[in-house]
Amino acid sequence: IPALGFPSAQVEYRREERAAGTTKYPLSRMIRLTV
């Protein structure tokens, strides 16, 4: 989406703790995302 170069803006916020359950982004998926 940033590569499209469309006019953009930003809104800042505080990241909260996960409300319940477990993360669906373990280390293996983070590595896959990076690759």
Full PDB file with SEQRES, HELIX, SHEET, SSBOND, CRYST1, ORIGX, SCALE, CONECT and MASTER records, all heavy atoms in Angstrom:
SEQRES   1 A   35  ILE PRO ALA LEU GLY PHE PRO SER ALA GLN VAL GLU TYR          
SEQRES   2 A   35  ARG ARG GLU GLU ARG ALA ALA GLY THR THR LYS TYR PRO          
SEQRES   3 A   35  LEU SER ARG MET ILE ARG LEU THR VAL                          
HELIX    1 AA1 PRO A    2  LEU A    4  5                                   3    
HELIX    2 AA2 LEU A   27  THR A   34  1                                   8    
CRYST1    1.000    1.000    1.000  90.00  90.00  90.00 P 1           1          
ORIGX1      1.000000  0.000000  0.000000        0.00000                         
ORIGX2      0.000000  1.000000  0.000000        0.00000                         
ORIGX3      0.000000  0.000000  1.000000        0.00000                         
SCALE1      1.000000  0.000000  0.000000        0.00000                         
SCALE2      0.000000  1.000000  0.000000        0.00000                         
SCALE3      0.000000  0.000000  1.000000        0.00000                         
ATOM      1  N   ILE A   1       0.818  -1.219   0.000  1.00  0.00           N  
ATOM      2  CA  ILE A   1       0.000   0.000   0.000  1.00  0.00           C  
ATOM      3  C   ILE A   1       0.851   1.270   0.000  1.00  0.00           C  
ATOM      4  O   ILE A   1       0.590   2.187  -0.778  1.00  0.00           O  
ATOM      5  CB  ILE A   1      -0.990  -0.043   1.180  1.00  0.00           C  
ATOM      6  CG1 ILE A   1      -1.992  -1.189   0.946  1.00  0.00           C  
ATOM      7  CG2 ILE A   1      -1.725   1.281   1.345  1.00  0.00           C  
ATOM      8  CD1 ILE A   1      -2.862  -1.520   2.121  1.00  0.00           C  
ATOM      9  N   PRO A   2       1.911   1.381   0.826  1.00  0.00           N  
ATOM     10  CA  PRO A   2       2.760   2.584   0.711  1.00  0.00           C  
ATOM     11  C   PRO A   2       3.420   2.710  -0.661  1.00  0.00           C  
ATOM     12  O   PRO A   2       3.656   3.832  -1.140  1.00  0.00           O  
ATOM     13  CB  PRO A   2       3.805   2.374   1.813  1.00  0.00           C  
ATOM     14  CG  PRO A   2       3.163   1.461   2.789  1.00  0.00           C  
ATOM     15  CD  PRO A   2       2.304   0.554   1.976  1.00  0.00           C  
ATOM     16  N   ALA A   3       3.714   1.572  -1.319  1.00  0.00           N  
ATOM     17  CA  ALA A   3       4.374   1.620  -2.624  1.00  0.00           C  
ATOM     18  C   ALA A   3       3.475   2.228  -3.689  1.00  0.00           C  
ATOM     19  O   ALA A   3       3.978   2.702  -4.723  1.00  0.00           O  
ATOM     20  CB  ALA A   3       4.804   0.217  -3.039  1.00  0.00           C  
ATOM     21  N   LEU A   4       2.150   2.261  -3.484  1.00  0.00           N  
ATOM     22  CA  LEU A   4       1.255   2.876  -4.455  1.00  0.00           C  
ATOM     23  C   LEU A   4       1.470   4.383  -4.551  1.00  0.00           C  
ATOM     24  O   LEU A   4       1.195   4.992  -5.587  1.00  0.00           O  
ATOM     25  CB  LEU A   4      -0.204   2.583  -4.084  1.00  0.00           C  
ATOM     26  CG  LEU A   4      -0.640   1.108  -4.122  1.00  0.00           C  
ATOM     27  CD1 LEU A   4      -2.060   0.965  -3.595  1.00  0.00           C  
ATOM     28  CD2 LEU A   4      -0.527   0.548  -5.530  1.00  0.00           C  
ATOM     29  N   GLY A   5       1.935   4.977  -3.464  1.00  0.00           N  
ATOM     30  CA  GLY A   5       2.231   6.411  -3.485  1.00  0.00           C  
ATOM     31  C   GLY A   5       1.019   7.312  -3.375  1.00  0.00           C  
ATOM     32  O   GLY A   5       1.106   8.511  -3.666  1.00  0.00           O  
ATOM     33  N   PHE A   6      -0.139   6.784  -2.948  1.00  0.00           N  
ATOM     34  CA  PHE A   6      -1.330   7.602  -2.803  1.00  0.00           C  
ATOM     35  C   PHE A   6      -1.166   8.566  -1.615  1.00  0.00           C  
ATOM     36  O   PHE A   6      -0.429   8.265  -0.676  1.00  0.00           O  
ATOM     37  CB  PHE A   6      -2.559   6.730  -2.588  1.00  0.00           C  
ATOM     38  CG  PHE A   6      -3.008   5.985  -3.820  1.00  0.00           C  
ATOM     39  CD1 PHE A   6      -2.253   5.992  -4.976  1.00  0.00           C  
ATOM     40  CD2 PHE A   6      -4.193   5.264  -3.823  1.00  0.00           C  
ATOM     41  CE1 PHE A   6      -2.651   5.309  -6.107  1.00  0.00           C  
ATOM     42  CE2 PHE A   6      -4.603   4.569  -4.944  1.00  0.00           C  
ATOM     43  CZ  PHE A   6      -3.831   4.591  -6.097  1.00  0.00           C  
ATOM     44  N   PRO A   7      -1.831   9.724  -1.650  1.00  0.00           N  
ATOM     45  CA  PRO A   7      -1.755  10.657  -0.513  1.00  0.00           C  
ATOM     46  C   PRO A   7      -2.145   9.960   0.787  1.00  0.00           C  
ATOM     47  O   PRO A   7      -3.132   9.214   0.832  1.00  0.00           O  
ATOM     48  CB  PRO A   7      -2.768  11.751  -0.887  1.00  0.00           C  
ATOM     49  CG  PRO A   7      -2.867  11.680  -2.371  1.00  0.00           C  
ATOM     50  CD  PRO A   7      -2.680  10.240  -2.740  1.00  0.00           C  
ATOM     51  N   SER A   8      -1.363  10.200   1.828  1.00  0.00           N  
ATOM     52  CA  SER A   8      -1.580   9.467   3.076  1.00  0.00           C  
ATOM     53  C   SER A   8      -1.469  10.390   4.280  1.00  0.00           C  
ATOM     54  O   SER A   8      -0.956  11.504   4.190  1.00  0.00           O  
ATOM     55  CB  SER A   8      -0.566   8.320   3.212  1.00  0.00           C  
ATOM     56  OG  SER A   8       0.748   8.821   3.291  1.00  0.00           O  
ATOM     57  N   ALA A   9      -1.965   9.898   5.395  1.00  0.00           N  
ATOM     58  CA  ALA A   9      -1.870  10.584   6.676  1.00  0.00           C  
ATOM     59  C   ALA A   9      -1.655   9.523   7.746  1.00  0.00           C  
ATOM     60  O   ALA A   9      -1.738   8.323   7.476  1.00  0.00           O  
ATOM     61  CB  ALA A   9      -3.127  11.398   6.954  1.00  0.00           C  
ATOM     62  N   GLN A  10      -1.381   9.973   8.957  1.00  0.00           N  
ATOM     63  CA  GLN A  10      -1.129   9.051  10.051  1.00  0.00           C  
ATOM     64  C   GLN A  10      -1.930   9.467  11.278  1.00  0.00           C  
ATOM     65  O   GLN A  10      -2.127  10.652  11.526  1.00  0.00           O  
ATOM     66  CB  GLN A  10       0.366   9.012  10.406  1.00  0.00           C  
ATOM     67  CG  GLN A  10       1.261   8.492   9.303  1.00  0.00           C  
ATOM     68  CD  GLN A  10       2.725   8.411   9.716  1.00  0.00           C  
ATOM     69  OE1 GLN A  10       3.069   8.680  10.868  1.00  0.00           O  
ATOM     70  NE2 GLN A  10       3.576   8.032   8.780  1.00  0.00           N  
ATOM     71  N   VAL A  11      -2.378   8.466  12.020  1.00  0.00           N  
ATOM     72  CA  VAL A  11      -3.043   8.681  13.303  1.00  0.00           C  
ATOM     73  C   VAL A  11      -2.319   7.812  14.323  1.00  0.00           C  
ATOM     74  O   VAL A  11      -2.214   6.599  14.140  1.00  0.00           O  
ATOM     75  CB  VAL A  11      -4.543   8.307  13.243  1.00  0.00           C  
ATOM     76  CG1 VAL A  11      -5.154   8.333  14.636  1.00  0.00           C  
ATOM     77  CG2 VAL A  11      -5.290   9.250  12.314  1.00  0.00           C  
ATOM     78  N   GLU A  12      -1.817   8.418  15.369  1.00  0.00           N  
ATOM     79  CA  GLU A  12      -1.068   7.671  16.370  1.00  0.00           C  
ATOM     80  C   GLU A  12      -1.999   7.106  17.444  1.00  0.00           C  
ATOM     81  O   GLU A  12      -3.053   7.681  17.733  1.00  0.00           O  
ATOM     82  CB  GLU A  12      -0.009   8.572  17.016  1.00  0.00           C  
ATOM     83  CG  GLU A  12       1.077   9.017  16.043  1.00  0.00           C  
ATOM     84  CD  GLU A  12       2.170   9.810  16.728  1.00  0.00           C  
ATOM     85  OE1 GLU A  12       1.960  10.205  17.903  1.00  0.00           O  
ATOM     86  OE2 GLU A  12       3.228  10.038  16.107  1.00  0.00           O  
ATOM     87  N   TYR A  13      -1.597   5.990  18.023  1.00  0.00           N  
ATOM     88  CA  TYR A  13      -2.381   5.370  19.085  1.00  0.00           C  
ATOM     89  C   TYR A  13      -1.465   4.512  19.949  1.00  0.00           C  
ATOM     90  O   TYR A  13      -0.344   4.159  19.539  1.00  0.00           O  
ATOM     91  CB  TYR A  13      -3.514   4.512  18.504  1.00  0.00           C  
ATOM     92  CG  TYR A  13      -3.042   3.269  17.779  1.00  0.00           C  
ATOM     93  CD1 TYR A  13      -2.980   2.037  18.420  1.00  0.00           C  
ATOM     94  CD2 TYR A  13      -2.661   3.329  16.444  1.00  0.00           C  
ATOM     95  CE1 TYR A  13      -2.549   0.896  17.758  1.00  0.00           C  
ATOM     96  CE2 TYR A  13      -2.231   2.196  15.767  1.00  0.00           C  
ATOM     97  CZ  TYR A  13      -2.181   0.986  16.428  1.00  0.00           C  
ATOM     98  OH  TYR A  13      -1.739  -0.135  15.774  1.00  0.00           O  
ATOM     99  N   ARG A  14      -1.942   4.183  21.123  1.00  0.00           N  
ATOM    100  CA  ARG A  14      -1.206   3.312  22.042  1.00  0.00           C  
ATOM    101  C   ARG A  14      -1.606   1.868  21.807  1.00  0.00           C  
ATOM    102  O   ARG A  14      -2.789   1.532  21.816  1.00  0.00           O  
ATOM    103  CB  ARG A  14      -1.493   3.705  23.494  1.00  0.00           C  
ATOM    104  CG  ARG A  14      -0.739   2.838  24.518  1.00  0.00           C  
ATOM    105  CD  ARG A  14      -1.087   3.276  25.938  1.00  0.00           C  
ATOM    106  NE  ARG A  14      -0.343   2.511  26.942  1.00  0.00           N  
ATOM    107  CZ  ARG A  14      -0.741   1.350  27.440  1.00  0.00           C  
ATOM    108  NH1 ARG A  14      -1.899   0.831  27.037  1.00  0.00           N  
ATOM    109  NH2 ARG A  14       0.002   0.714  28.335  1.00  0.00           N  
ATOM    110  N   ARG A  15      -0.637   1.019  21.567  1.00  0.00           N  
ATOM    111  CA  ARG A  15      -0.911  -0.395  21.353  1.00  0.00           C  
ATOM    112  C   ARG A  15      -1.241  -1.056  22.686  1.00  0.00           C  
ATOM    113  O   ARG A  15      -0.475  -0.942  23.651  1.00  0.00           O  
ATOM    114  CB  ARG A  15       0.292  -1.073  20.706  1.00  0.00           C  
ATOM    115  CG  ARG A  15       0.052  -2.531  20.320  1.00  0.00           C  
ATOM    116  CD  ARG A  15       1.192  -3.018  19.450  1.00  0.00           C  
ATOM    117  NE  ARG A  15       1.119  -4.427  19.142  1.00  0.00           N  
ATOM    118  CZ  ARG A  15       0.385  -4.970  18.188  1.00  0.00           C  
ATOM    119  NH1 ARG A  15      -0.385  -4.182  17.448  1.00  0.00           N  
ATOM    120  NH2 ARG A  15       0.401  -6.262  17.956  1.00  0.00           N  
ATOM    121  N   GLU A  16      -2.367  -1.743  22.743  1.00  0.00           N  
ATOM    122  CA  GLU A  16      -2.832  -2.356  23.974  1.00  0.00           C  
ATOM    123  C   GLU A  16      -2.430  -3.828  24.035  1.00  0.00           C  
ATOM    124  O   GLU A  16      -1.942  -4.401  23.060  1.00  0.00           O  
ATOM    125  CB  GLU A  16      -4.362  -2.218  24.062  1.00  0.00           C  
ATOM    126  CG  GLU A  16      -4.845  -0.769  24.034  1.00  0.00           C  
ATOM    127  CD  GLU A  16      -6.358  -0.665  24.027  1.00  0.00           C  
ATOM    128  OE1 GLU A  16      -7.027  -1.723  24.183  1.00  0.00           O  
ATOM    129  OE2 GLU A  16      -6.879   0.451  23.878  1.00  0.00           O  
ATOM    130  N   GLU A  17      -2.628  -4.425  25.184  1.00  0.00           N  
ATOM    131  CA  GLU A  17      -2.379  -5.848  25.326  1.00  0.00           C  
ATOM    132  C   GLU A  17      -3.481  -6.630  24.627  1.00  0.00           C  
ATOM    133  O   GLU A  17      -4.601  -6.151  24.457  1.00  0.00           O  
ATOM    134  CB  GLU A  17      -2.334  -6.241  26.809  1.00  0.00           C  
ATOM    135  CG  GLU A  17      -1.163  -5.645  27.576  1.00  0.00           C  
ATOM    136  CD  GLU A  17      -1.143  -6.115  29.017  1.00  0.00           C  
ATOM    137  OE1 GLU A  17      -2.063  -6.876  29.388  1.00  0.00           O  
ATOM    138  OE2 GLU A  17      -0.221  -5.735  29.749  1.00  0.00           O  
ATOM    139  N   ARG A  18      -3.144  -7.839  24.217  1.00  0.00           N  
ATOM    140  CA  ARG A  18      -4.151  -8.711  23.604  1.00  0.00           C  
ATOM    141  C   ARG A  18      -5.260  -8.962  24.621  1.00  0.00           C  
ATOM    142  O   ARG A  18      -5.004  -9.324  25.765  1.00  0.00           O  
ATOM    143  CB  ARG A  18      -3.503 -10.021  23.169  1.00  0.00           C  
ATOM    144  CG  ARG A  18      -4.477 -11.029  22.641  1.00  0.00           C  
ATOM    145  CD  ARG A  18      -3.776 -12.278  22.175  1.00  0.00           C  
ATOM    146  NE  ARG A  18      -3.732 -12.376  20.727  1.00  0.00           N  
ATOM    147  CZ  ARG A  18      -4.730 -12.833  19.982  1.00  0.00           C  
ATOM    148  NH1 ARG A  18      -5.855 -13.208  20.566  1.00  0.00           N  
ATOM    149  NH2 ARG A  18      -4.625 -12.907  18.683  1.00  0.00           N  
ATOM    150  N   ALA A  19      -6.507  -8.792  24.188  1.00  0.00           N  
ATOM    151  CA  ALA A  19      -7.634  -8.882  25.111  1.00  0.00           C  
ATOM    152  C   ALA A  19      -7.833 -10.295  25.650  1.00  0.00           C  
ATOM    153  O   ALA A  19      -8.185 -10.480  26.811  1.00  0.00           O  
ATOM    154  CB  ALA A  19      -8.910  -8.402  24.419  1.00  0.00           C  
ATOM    155  N   ALA A  20      -7.609 -11.288  24.807  1.00  0.00           N  
ATOM    156  CA  ALA A  20      -7.786 -12.682  25.225  1.00  0.00           C  
ATOM    157  C   ALA A  20      -7.168 -13.573  24.165  1.00  0.00           C  
ATOM    158  O   ALA A  20      -6.863 -13.141  23.057  1.00  0.00           O  
ATOM    159  CB  ALA A  20      -9.273 -13.014  25.413  1.00  0.00           C  
ATOM    160  N   GLY A  21      -6.990 -14.840  24.501  1.00  0.00           N  
ATOM    161  CA  GLY A  21      -6.438 -15.779  23.539  1.00  0.00           C  
ATOM    162  C   GLY A  21      -4.929 -15.654  23.414  1.00  0.00           C  
ATOM    163  O   GLY A  21      -4.265 -14.969  24.200  1.00  0.00           O  
ATOM    164  N   THR A  22      -4.396 -16.321  22.414  1.00  0.00           N  
ATOM    165  CA  THR A  22      -2.943 -16.335  22.191  1.00  0.00           C  
ATOM    166  C   THR A  22      -2.629 -15.733  20.833  1.00  0.00           C  
ATOM    167  O   THR A  22      -3.481 -15.714  19.929  1.00  0.00           O  
ATOM    168  CB  THR A  22      -2.392 -17.771  22.244  1.00  0.00           C  
ATOM    169  OG1 THR A  22      -3.061 -18.579  21.252  1.00  0.00           O  
ATOM    170  CG2 THR A  22      -2.619 -18.380  23.616  1.00  0.00           C  
ATOM    171  N   THR A  23      -1.406 -15.254  20.694  1.00  0.00           N  
ATOM    172  CA  THR A  23      -0.999 -14.630  19.448  1.00  0.00           C  
ATOM    173  C   THR A  23      -1.027 -15.626  18.298  1.00  0.00           C  
ATOM    174  O   THR A  23      -0.733 -16.803  18.460  1.00  0.00           O  
ATOM    175  CB  THR A  23       0.413 -14.027  19.569  1.00  0.00           C  
ATOM    176  OG1 THR A  23       0.776 -13.428  18.310  1.00  0.00           O  
ATOM    177  CG2 THR A  23       1.438 -15.080  19.941  1.00  0.00           C  
ATOM    178  N   LYS A  24      -1.397 -15.157  17.122  1.00  0.00           N  
ATOM    179  CA  LYS A  24      -1.391 -15.992  15.919  1.00  0.00           C  
ATOM    180  C   LYS A  24      -0.190 -15.658  15.043  1.00  0.00           C  
ATOM    181  O   LYS A  24      -0.127 -16.067  13.881  1.00  0.00           O  
ATOM    182  CB  LYS A  24      -2.697 -15.773  15.128  1.00  0.00           C  
ATOM    183  CG  LYS A  24      -3.963 -16.012  15.939  1.00  0.00           C  
ATOM    184  CD  LYS A  24      -3.957 -17.381  16.613  1.00  0.00           C  
ATOM    185  CE  LYS A  24      -5.231 -17.662  17.391  1.00  0.00           C  
ATOM    186  NZ  LYS A  24      -5.413 -16.784  18.536  1.00  0.00           N  
ATOM    187  N   TYR A  25       0.761 -14.889  15.610  1.00  0.00           N  
ATOM    188  CA  TYR A  25       1.969 -14.540  14.878  1.00  0.00           C  
ATOM    189  C   TYR A  25       3.188 -14.987  15.667  1.00  0.00           C  
ATOM    190  O   TYR A  25       3.912 -14.175  16.230  1.00  0.00           O  
ATOM    191  CB  TYR A  25       2.025 -13.025  14.620  1.00  0.00           C  
ATOM    192  CG  TYR A  25       1.923 -12.667  13.149  1.00  0.00           C  
ATOM    193  CD1 TYR A  25       0.693 -12.415  12.569  1.00  0.00           C  
ATOM    194  CD2 TYR A  25       3.055 -12.610  12.353  1.00  0.00           C  
ATOM    195  CE1 TYR A  25       0.582 -12.093  11.221  1.00  0.00           C  
ATOM    196  CE2 TYR A  25       2.967 -12.296  11.008  1.00  0.00           C  
ATOM    197  CZ  TYR A  25       1.727 -12.035  10.457  1.00  0.00           C  
ATOM    198  OH  TYR A  25       1.624 -11.725   9.119  1.00  0.00           O  
ATOM    199  N   PRO A  26       3.471 -16.306  15.717  1.00  0.00           N  
ATOM    200  CA  PRO A  26       4.666 -16.786  16.416  1.00  0.00           C  
ATOM    201  C   PRO A  26       5.926 -16.392  15.654  1.00  0.00           C  
ATOM    202  O   PRO A  26       5.870 -15.794  14.567  1.00  0.00           O  
ATOM    203  CB  PRO A  26       4.474 -18.305  16.430  1.00  0.00           C  
ATOM    204  CG  PRO A  26       3.622 -18.582  15.225  1.00  0.00           C  
ATOM    205  CD  PRO A  26       2.711 -17.394  15.099  1.00  0.00           C  
ATOM    206  N   LEU A  27       7.069 -16.764  16.199  1.00  0.00           N  
ATOM    207  CA  LEU A  27       8.345 -16.385  15.602  1.00  0.00           C  
ATOM    208  C   LEU A  27       8.465 -16.894  14.170  1.00  0.00           C  
ATOM    209  O   LEU A  27       8.995 -16.189  13.306  1.00  0.00           O  
ATOM    210  CB  LEU A  27       9.490 -16.929  16.458  1.00  0.00           C  
ATOM    211  CG  LEU A  27      10.913 -16.593  15.972  1.00  0.00           C  
ATOM    212  CD1 LEU A  27      11.127 -15.097  15.930  1.00  0.00           C  
ATOM    213  CD2 LEU A  27      11.951 -17.270  16.880  1.00  0.00           C  
ATOM    214  N   SER A  28       7.975 -18.095  13.897  1.00  0.00           N  
ATOM    215  CA  SER A  28       8.099 -18.651  12.545  1.00  0.00           C  
ATOM    216  C   SER A  28       7.371 -17.795  11.519  1.00  0.00           C  
ATOM    217  O   SER A  28       7.876 -17.563  10.411  1.00  0.00           O  
ATOM    218  CB  SER A  28       7.547 -20.080  12.510  1.00  0.00           C  
ATOM    219  OG  SER A  28       6.184 -20.096  12.904  1.00  0.00           O  
ATOM    220  N   ARG A  29       6.191 -17.281  11.873  1.00  0.00           N  
ATOM    221  CA  ARG A  29       5.450 -16.434  10.933  1.00  0.00           C  
ATOM    222  C   ARG A  29       6.090 -15.059  10.822  1.00  0.00           C  
ATOM    223  O   ARG A  29       6.029 -14.433   9.760  1.00  0.00           O  
ATOM    224  CB  ARG A  29       3.997 -16.313  11.375  1.00  0.00           C  
ATOM    225  CG  ARG A  29       3.211 -17.612  11.246  1.00  0.00           C  
ATOM    226  CD  ARG A  29       1.726 -17.374  11.165  1.00  0.00           C  
ATOM    227  NE  ARG A  29       0.992 -18.598  10.934  1.00  0.00           N  
ATOM    228  CZ  ARG A  29      -0.316 -18.646  10.672  1.00  0.00           C  
ATOM    229  NH1 ARG A  29      -1.011 -17.523  10.623  1.00  0.00           N  
ATOM    230  NH2 ARG A  29      -0.913 -19.795  10.467  1.00  0.00           N  
ATOM    231  N   MET A  30       6.695 -14.585  11.882  1.00  0.00           N  
ATOM    232  CA  MET A  30       7.403 -13.309  11.796  1.00  0.00           C  
ATOM    233  C   MET A  30       8.587 -13.422  10.838  1.00  0.00           C  
ATOM    234  O   MET A  30       8.852 -12.512  10.043  1.00  0.00           O  
ATOM    235  CB  MET A  30       7.869 -12.887  13.194  1.00  0.00           C  
ATOM    236  CG  MET A  30       6.744 -12.514  14.141  1.00  0.00           C  
ATOM    237  SD  MET A  30       7.299 -12.324  15.856  1.00  0.00           S  
ATOM    238  CE  MET A  30       8.484 -10.995  15.677  1.00  0.00           C  
ATOM    239  N   ILE A  31       9.290 -14.557  10.914  1.00  0.00           N  
ATOM    240  CA  ILE A  31      10.416 -14.768  10.000  1.00  0.00           C  
ATOM    241  C   ILE A  31       9.917 -14.871   8.567  1.00  0.00           C  
ATOM    242  O   ILE A  31      10.510 -14.298   7.642  1.00  0.00           O  
ATOM    243  CB  ILE A  31      11.193 -16.043  10.402  1.00  0.00           C  
ATOM    244  CG1 ILE A  31      11.859 -15.827  11.771  1.00  0.00           C  
ATOM    245  CG2 ILE A  31      12.245 -16.386   9.354  1.00  0.00           C  
ATOM    246  CD1 ILE A  31      12.527 -17.064  12.323  1.00  0.00           C  
ATOM    247  N   ARG A  32       8.808 -15.582   8.358  1.00  0.00           N  
ATOM    248  CA  ARG A  32       8.243 -15.700   7.014  1.00  0.00           C  
ATOM    249  C   ARG A  32       7.831 -14.345   6.469  1.00  0.00           C  
ATOM    250  O   ARG A  32       8.035 -14.041   5.282  1.00  0.00           O  
ATOM    251  CB  ARG A  32       7.041 -16.639   7.052  1.00  0.00           C  
ATOM    252  CG  ARG A  32       6.389 -16.929   5.712  1.00  0.00           C  
ATOM    253  CD  ARG A  32       7.285 -17.788   4.858  1.00  0.00           C  
ATOM    254  NE  ARG A  32       7.908 -17.028   3.793  1.00  0.00           N  
ATOM    255  CZ  ARG A  32       8.790 -17.516   2.955  1.00  0.00           C  
ATOM    256  NH1 ARG A  32       9.191 -18.761   3.077  1.00  0.00           N  
ATOM    257  NH2 ARG A  32       9.292 -16.777   2.000  1.00  0.00           N  
ATOM    258  N   LEU A  33       7.231 -13.506   7.320  1.00  0.00           N  
ATOM    259  CA  LEU A  33       6.844 -12.161   6.907  1.00  0.00           C  
ATOM    260  C   LEU A  33       8.065 -11.351   6.502  1.00  0.00           C  
ATOM    261  O   LEU A  33       8.039 -10.609   5.508  1.00  0.00           O  
ATOM    262  CB  LEU A  33       6.089 -11.464   8.037  1.00  0.00           C  
ATOM    263  CG  LEU A  33       5.685 -10.008   7.774  1.00  0.00           C  
ATOM    264  CD1 LEU A  33       4.629  -9.945   6.679  1.00  0.00           C  
ATOM    265  CD2 LEU A  33       5.161  -9.344   9.047  1.00  0.00           C  
ATOM    266  N   THR A  34       9.153 -11.478   7.269  1.00  0.00           N  
ATOM    267  CA  THR A  34      10.374 -10.747   6.940  1.00  0.00           C  
ATOM    268  C   THR A  34      10.946 -11.196   5.600  1.00  0.00           C  
ATOM    269  O   THR A  34      11.346 -10.366   4.777  1.00  0.00           O  
ATOM    270  CB  THR A  34      11.417 -10.948   8.055  1.00  0.00           C  
ATOM    271  OG1 THR A  34      10.868 -10.521   9.302  1.00  0.00           O  
ATOM    272  CG2 THR A  34      12.680 -10.148   7.764  1.00  0.00           C  
ATOM    273  N   VAL A  35      10.971 -12.512   5.370  1.00  0.00           N  
ATOM    274  CA  VAL A  35      11.490 -13.031   4.099  1.00  0.00           C  
ATOM    275  C   VAL A  35      10.629 -12.555   2.935  1.00  0.00           C  
ATOM    276  O   VAL A  35      11.145 -12.118   1.893  1.00  0.00           O  
ATOM    277  CB  VAL A  35      11.560 -14.573   4.137  1.00  0.00           C  
ATOM    278  CG1 VAL A  35      11.917 -15.127   2.762  1.00  0.00           C  
ATOM    279  CG2 VAL A  35      12.579 -15.018   5.175  1.00  0.00           C  
TER     280      VAL A  35                                                      
MASTER        0    0    0    2    0    0    0    6  279    1    0    3          
END                                                                             
